[in-house]
Amino acid sequence: MALIKCYECKGDVSDKAFSCPHCGAPGKENVGTGSDKNTNQTKYYCDLVLKGDMSLEDAELEFSREIILMALQKSDYVQSRTAKMLNITRRILKYKMDKLSIKAPEEE
């Protein structure tokens, strides 16, 4: 995987990522809305894994990052609400955020 610059925030992003892990901007070829976007995202990762372009572990991490970022944005980065939305504890959410290098906007 190569790193490219996000067209929105100019942060480093994997060329295999569906969206920027920093700002959530979708890849230009992956712009979609609603359930179509979620279906396309799932298919995107499946295709990468099945073609051998991405390991299953990397796909799981990217997919987890996408879900957590979407939930954080939806809850205005309130971690307790995000954890409840994802049906996990706040402590587990924080652990996953640290593992996936996800920071709240005020922490950056």
Protein backbone atom coordinates (compact mmCIF):
# COMPACT_ATOMS: atom_id res chain seq x y z
CA MET A 1 0.00 0.00 0.00
CA ALA A 2 1.20 3.47 -0.86
CA LEU A 3 0.42 6.69 0.99
CA ILE A 4 -1.26 9.51 -0.88
CA LYS A 5 -2.41 12.98 0.22
CA CYS A 6 -6.08 13.55 1.04
CA TYR A 7 -7.59 16.13 -1.30
CA GLU A 8 -9.47 17.72 1.64
CA CYS A 9 -7.12 17.85 4.65
CA LYS A 10 -3.83 16.96 2.88
CA GLY A 11 -3.18 14.22 5.47
CA ASP A 12 -1.51 10.91 4.58
CA VAL A 13 -3.99 8.24 3.46
CA SER A 14 -3.52 4.69 2.22
CA ASP A 15 -4.27 4.44 -1.48
CA LYS A 16 -6.49 1.47 -0.55
CA ALA A 17 -8.57 3.41 2.03
CA PHE A 18 -12.20 4.08 1.21
CA SER A 19 -12.00 7.47 2.91
CA CYS A 20 -9.54 9.67 4.78
CA PRO A 21 -9.03 8.48 8.38
CA HIS A 22 -8.34 12.08 9.47
CA CYS A 23 -11.24 14.04 8.02
CA GLY A 24 -13.53 11.31 6.64
CA ALA A 25 -13.46 12.64 3.07
CA PRO A 26 -14.33 9.84 0.64
CA GLY A 27 -11.90 8.82 -2.05
CA LYS A 28 -12.84 10.58 -5.27
CA GLU A 29 -13.79 7.29 -6.93
CA ASN A 30 -15.75 6.17 -3.85
CA VAL A 31 -18.21 9.03 -3.47
CA GLY A 32 -21.65 7.68 -2.65
CA THR A 33 -24.56 8.28 -0.35
CA GLY A 34 -26.63 6.37 2.16
CA SER A 35 -26.84 2.60 1.96
CA ASP A 36 -25.28 2.64 -1.52
CA LYS A 37 -22.09 3.99 0.02
CA ASN A 38 -22.10 1.30 2.73
CA THR A 39 -22.74 -1.44 0.17
CA ASN A 40 -20.03 -0.07 -2.10
CA GLN A 41 -17.63 0.20 0.84
CA THR A 42 -18.19 -3.41 1.86
CA LYS A 43 -17.80 -4.60 -1.73
CA TYR A 44 -14.69 -2.44 -2.13
CA TYR A 45 -12.93 -4.13 0.80
CA CYS A 46 -14.12 -7.60 -0.25
CA ASP A 47 -12.76 -7.07 -3.75
CA LEU A 48 -9.39 -5.87 -2.43
CA VAL A 49 -9.03 -8.90 -0.15
CA LEU A 50 -10.19 -11.42 -2.74
CA LYS A 51 -7.83 -10.00 -5.39
CA GLY A 52 -4.94 -10.20 -2.94
CA ASP A 53 -4.40 -6.42 -2.93
CA MET A 54 -5.10 -6.12 0.81
CA SER A 55 -4.85 -8.58 3.69
CA LEU A 56 -7.98 -9.53 5.60
CA GLU A 57 -6.46 -7.98 8.74
CA ASP A 58 -5.82 -4.65 6.98
CA ALA A 59 -9.35 -4.66 5.53
CA GLU A 60 -10.82 -5.27 9.00
CA LEU A 61 -8.79 -2.39 10.44
CA GLU A 62 -9.80 0.00 7.65
CA PHE A 63 -13.45 -1.02 7.91
CA SER A 64 -13.39 -0.58 11.71
CA ARG A 65 -11.79 2.84 11.26
CA GLU A 66 -14.53 3.86 8.80
CA ILE A 67 -17.35 2.74 11.11
CA ILE A 68 -15.87 4.44 14.18
CA LEU A 69 -15.23 7.68 12.27
CA MET A 70 -18.80 7.72 10.92
CA ALA A 71 -20.21 7.10 14.40
CA LEU A 72 -17.97 9.79 15.94
CA GLN A 73 -19.07 12.33 13.34
CA LYS A 74 -22.72 11.40 13.84
CA SER A 75 -22.40 11.90 17.61
CA ASP A 76 -20.36 15.14 17.33
CA TYR A 77 -17.32 13.29 18.74
CA VAL A 78 -19.00 12.60 22.09
CA GLN A 79 -17.35 9.30 22.95
CA SER A 80 -20.01 8.04 25.37
CA ARG A 81 -22.72 8.53 22.71
CA THR A 82 -20.51 6.95 20.06
CA ALA A 83 -19.85 3.92 22.26
CA LYS A 84 -23.56 3.51 22.92
CA MET A 85 -24.29 3.80 19.19
CA LEU A 86 -21.73 1.05 18.49
CA ASN A 87 -22.95 -1.06 21.43
CA ILE A 88 -19.51 -1.13 23.10
CA THR A 89 -18.15 0.43 26.27
CA ARG A 90 -16.47 3.84 26.17
CA ARG A 91 -13.27 2.17 27.35
CA ILE A 92 -13.30 -0.24 24.39
CA LEU A 93 -14.06 2.65 22.04
CA LYS A 94 -11.07 4.58 23.39
CA TYR A 95 -8.86 1.49 23.03
CA LYS A 96 -9.95 1.07 19.40
CA MET A 97 -9.46 4.77 18.68
CA ASP A 98 -5.92 4.58 20.07
CA LYS A 99 -5.18 1.38 18.13
CA LEU A 100 -6.48 2.92 14.88
CA SER A 101 -4.85 6.32 15.54
CA ILE A 102 -8.20 8.14 15.57
CA LYS A 103 -8.11 11.44 17.41
CA ALA A 104 -10.92 13.81 18.26
CA PRO A 105 -10.61 17.17 16.41
CA GLU A 106 -9.53 19.07 19.54
CA GLU A 107 -6.74 16.52 20.20
CA GLU A 108 -5.06 17.07 16.81
